[in-house]
Amino acid sequence: MPEIKSLRRVKDHWDTFEERDHNDHVDNWKAEVDILEGAGITGDLMDSLKTVVSTMRYVKYKDDYYDEDHNRFVEAFNKLLGIFELAGLTGDTMDKFRSVVNRMREITAGEFYYAELHNLFAEAWDLVAELNVILVKIPPAMAQVYSEDWDYRTAVGYAPIYAEDWNYGPPPSYEVVYGEDWSG
């Protein structure tokens, strides 16, 4: 499984923006897409997340950091929150992640880039790493295929998406009883 890197925490008027602050972020998004695909996540939200991630760029020393770079990260985190919610993730970690994502905001050109904005990303990535462990452990569902000739010995009535020995026994016998005559 690809690894999610921890982003460094920064302080205003102390730390300077380094290219690794941005590039580790882009690496994390590419790894997250791989993790989600490996967990079997599909759909419109996943497609739109892939589109956003494909537009993220790497920076090098002395490159400018634009508002679009930051805003893509915010957009991607909002899509990831939606994916996690659709996957049914719950609990304290999910609540913290939802809170962090809801505190993220887009910026405009020329706006100061405060440490709080970057540190929200760092906190979110720590939570994403925990949520990924939960997401990957959730086994896919077993889909039932309705069939007139279901037989427990051949299991033609089930299409295993996730195969596991469930130790099924033969189905109980059923007797059809008609309680009343409605013919008239």
Foldseek 3Di string as FASTA:
>chain_A
DDDQDFADQDAPPPDDDALCLLVSLLVNLVVVLVLCVVLVDDDDLSVVLVVLSVPADGDHPPDDDFLSNLVSSLVNLVSVLVSLVVLPDDDDLNVVLVVLSVPADGDHGPDDDGSSNSVSSSVNSVSVNVSSVVSSPDDDDWDFADDPPDFPVVRPRTDGPPDDDPPDDGDDDDDDDDDDDPPD
